[in-house]
Amino acid sequence: MSDPANVKPTTQSLRPRMGGGFGINADAIARAEEALKAMSAQFGQWLNDEIVKLDQAQADIREKGLTAETAEALYFRAHDLKGLGTTYEYPLVTRIAGSLCRLLDDATARTEAPLTIVHAHVDAIRSVVRDQIKTDENPTGRVLAESLEAEVSQHKSR
């Protein structure tokens, strides 16, 4: 099995993505869709594996402070989740991780990010996965994402 960090499967149909199938073997598309469907059963475990890595990055910050090293490690964890959240059927994780990336995107200013906002993002990602809040169509998920994004925007505007 491929490393989940390097595979970006999706359960959405491949046919619309392939331009109507011109020059594409319909049987090959059907087999690929079945393979993705089979892999989707592992999305939850792969997402939990990413959460474990995120938790470790947060623990390192709690232990060592927000240093260039710990902030970079958290940024890369958030960046991975930004890319993988929607793939693993959690677009809300993508949105919240994207907000955390925005907070930490300037490598020269990462250590100045407010710890309360940093930890709030990590805790929010963990919570939405735990409670299976997959999209911002959920009112709690929407308010959570909007609140975090507003905090980041306010911090960035200073």
Protein backbone atom coordinates (compact mmCIF):
# COMPACT_ATOMS: atom_id res chain seq x y z
CA MET A 1 0.00 0.00 0.00
CA SER A 2 1.26 3.49 -0.79
CA ASP A 3 2.21 5.95 1.90
CA PRO A 4 -1.00 7.90 2.67
CA ALA A 5 0.92 11.17 2.83
CA ASN A 6 1.85 10.77 -0.81
CA VAL A 7 -1.55 9.60 -2.04
CA LYS A 8 -4.39 12.04 -2.58
CA PRO A 9 -7.39 9.77 -3.18
CA THR A 10 -10.92 11.05 -3.28
CA THR A 11 -14.24 9.29 -3.32
CA GLN A 12 -15.66 11.68 -5.89
CA SER A 13 -16.25 10.15 -9.29
CA LEU A 14 -13.31 10.30 -11.67
CA ARG A 15 -15.44 10.52 -14.81
CA PRO A 16 -16.20 14.28 -14.55
CA ARG A 17 -12.54 14.98 -13.86
CA MET A 18 -11.44 13.14 -16.97
CA GLY A 19 -13.19 15.45 -19.41
CA GLY A 20 -16.02 13.11 -20.25
CA GLY A 21 -13.73 10.17 -20.87
CA PHE A 22 -12.34 11.20 -24.27
CA GLY A 23 -9.47 8.86 -24.96
CA ILE A 24 -9.83 7.29 -21.51
CA ASN A 25 -10.80 3.67 -21.10
CA ALA A 26 -14.09 3.56 -19.19
CA ASP A 27 -13.10 0.25 -17.59
CA ALA A 28 -9.89 1.81 -16.28
CA ILE A 29 -11.89 4.65 -14.73
CA ALA A 30 -14.30 2.19 -13.12
CA ARG A 31 -11.39 0.19 -11.66
CA ALA A 32 -9.79 3.38 -10.32
CA GLU A 33 -13.07 4.45 -8.72
CA GLU A 34 -13.38 1.05 -7.04
CA ALA A 35 -9.80 1.29 -5.76
CA LEU A 36 -10.52 4.72 -4.28
CA LYS A 37 -13.71 3.44 -2.70
CA ALA A 38 -11.76 0.59 -1.09
CA MET A 39 -9.12 3.02 0.20
CA SER A 40 -11.74 5.34 1.70
CA ALA A 41 -12.23 2.85 4.52
CA GLN A 42 -8.72 3.78 5.67
CA PHE A 43 -9.24 7.56 5.59
CA GLY A 44 -10.26 7.68 9.23
CA GLN A 45 -7.13 5.87 10.39
CA TRP A 46 -4.90 7.99 8.17
CA LEU A 47 -6.49 11.17 9.51
CA ASN A 48 -6.02 9.95 13.07
CA ASP A 49 -2.35 9.28 12.27
CA GLU A 50 -2.05 12.92 11.18
CA ILE A 51 -3.77 14.07 14.39
CA VAL A 52 -1.19 12.12 16.44
CA LYS A 53 1.57 14.03 14.62
CA LEU A 54 -0.27 17.31 15.24
CA ASP A 55 -0.63 16.44 18.93
CA GLN A 56 3.12 15.81 19.15
CA ALA A 57 3.87 19.16 17.56
CA GLN A 58 1.58 20.84 20.09
CA ALA A 59 3.19 18.92 22.97
CA ASP A 60 6.62 20.07 21.80
CA ILE A 61 5.42 23.68 21.84
CA ARG A 62 4.03 23.27 25.34
CA GLU A 63 7.34 21.76 26.49
CA LYS A 64 9.87 23.93 24.61
CA GLY A 65 7.87 27.02 23.77
CA LEU A 66 7.16 28.47 20.35
CA THR A 67 10.65 28.37 18.90
CA ALA A 68 11.63 28.51 15.25
CA GLU A 69 11.93 24.71 15.30
CA THR A 70 8.65 23.91 17.07
CA ALA A 71 6.72 26.50 15.06
CA GLU A 72 8.06 25.09 11.79
CA ALA A 73 7.12 21.55 12.81
CA LEU A 74 3.59 22.69 13.63
CA TYR A 75 3.37 24.63 10.37
CA PHE A 76 4.27 21.52 8.36
CA ARG A 77 1.72 19.42 10.28
CA ALA A 78 -0.94 22.07 9.58
CA HIS A 79 0.10 22.26 5.94
CA ASP A 80 -0.25 18.49 5.58
CA LEU A 81 -3.71 18.59 7.14
CA LYS A 82 -4.70 21.50 4.92
CA GLY A 83 -4.01 19.26 1.94
CA LEU A 84 -5.34 16.03 3.39
CA GLY A 85 -8.48 17.14 5.25
CA THR A 86 -10.75 17.30 2.23
CA THR A 87 -9.14 14.19 0.76
CA TYR A 88 -10.03 12.34 3.94
CA GLU A 89 -13.59 13.71 3.76
CA TYR A 90 -13.08 16.49 6.34
CA PRO A 91 -13.13 19.81 4.47
CA LEU A 92 -13.54 21.57 7.82
CA VAL A 93 -10.12 20.26 8.85
CA THR A 94 -8.74 21.70 5.61
CA ARG A 95 -10.30 25.07 6.43
CA ILE A 96 -9.06 25.22 10.03
CA ALA A 97 -5.60 23.94 9.11
CA GLY A 98 -5.50 26.57 6.35
CA SER A 99 -6.20 29.24 8.94
CA LEU A 100 -3.37 27.93 11.12
CA CYS A 101 -1.07 27.93 8.08
CA ARG A 102 -1.99 31.57 7.44
CA LEU A 103 -1.10 32.38 11.05
CA LEU A 104 2.29 30.67 10.69
CA ASP A 105 3.07 31.22 7.01
CA ASP A 106 5.76 33.87 7.57
CA ALA A 107 8.75 31.88 8.81
CA THR A 108 10.37 35.03 10.22
CA ALA A 109 7.33 35.83 12.38
CA ARG A 110 6.13 32.36 13.43
CA THR A 111 7.49 32.65 16.94
CA GLU A 112 5.40 35.80 17.46
CA ALA A 113 2.10 34.01 16.87
CA PRO A 114 -0.14 34.16 19.94
CA LEU A 115 -0.06 30.78 21.67
CA THR A 116 -3.75 30.99 22.53
CA ILE A 117 -4.63 31.17 18.83
CA VAL A 118 -2.14 28.45 17.94
CA HIS A 119 -3.51 26.06 20.55
CA ALA A 120 -7.11 26.96 19.69
CA HIS A 121 -6.52 25.82 16.10
CA VAL A 122 -4.93 22.53 17.14
CA ASP A 123 -7.67 21.87 19.68
CA ALA A 124 -10.34 22.72 17.09
CA ILE A 125 -8.89 20.29 14.54
CA ARG A 126 -8.75 17.55 17.16
CA SER A 127 -12.34 18.31 18.26
CA VAL A 128 -13.92 18.33 14.81
CA VAL A 129 -12.32 14.99 13.98
CA ARG A 130 -13.31 13.50 17.34
CA ASP A 131 -16.89 14.74 16.96
CA GLN A 132 -16.99 13.90 13.24
CA ILE A 133 -17.87 17.45 12.20
CA LYS A 134 -16.79 17.19 8.60
CA THR A 135 -18.01 20.42 6.99
CA ASP A 136 -18.81 24.00 7.83
CA GLU A 137 -22.43 23.22 7.02
CA ASN A 138 -22.52 22.18 10.66
CA PRO A 139 -23.33 25.40 12.57
CA THR A 140 -20.79 24.67 15.30
CA GLY A 141 -18.10 23.92 12.75
CA ARG A 142 -18.87 27.09 10.80
CA VAL A 143 -18.75 29.33 13.88
CA LEU A 144 -15.55 27.68 15.04
CA ALA A 145 -13.82 28.16 11.68
CA GLU A 146 -15.06 31.74 11.32
CA SER A 147 -13.91 32.63 14.85
CA LEU A 148 -10.44 31.22 14.28
CA GLU A 149 -10.13 32.95 10.91
CA ALA A 150 -11.19 36.25 12.49
CA GLU A 151 -8.53 35.87 15.21
CA VAL A 152 -5.86 35.22 12.58
CA SER A 153 -7.00 38.19 10.50
CA GLN A 154 -6.95 40.44 13.54
CA HIS A 155 -3.46 39.27 14.48
CA LYS A 156 -2.18 39.67 10.90
CA SER A 157 -3.57 43.21 10.65
CA ARG A 158 -1.42 44.45 13.54
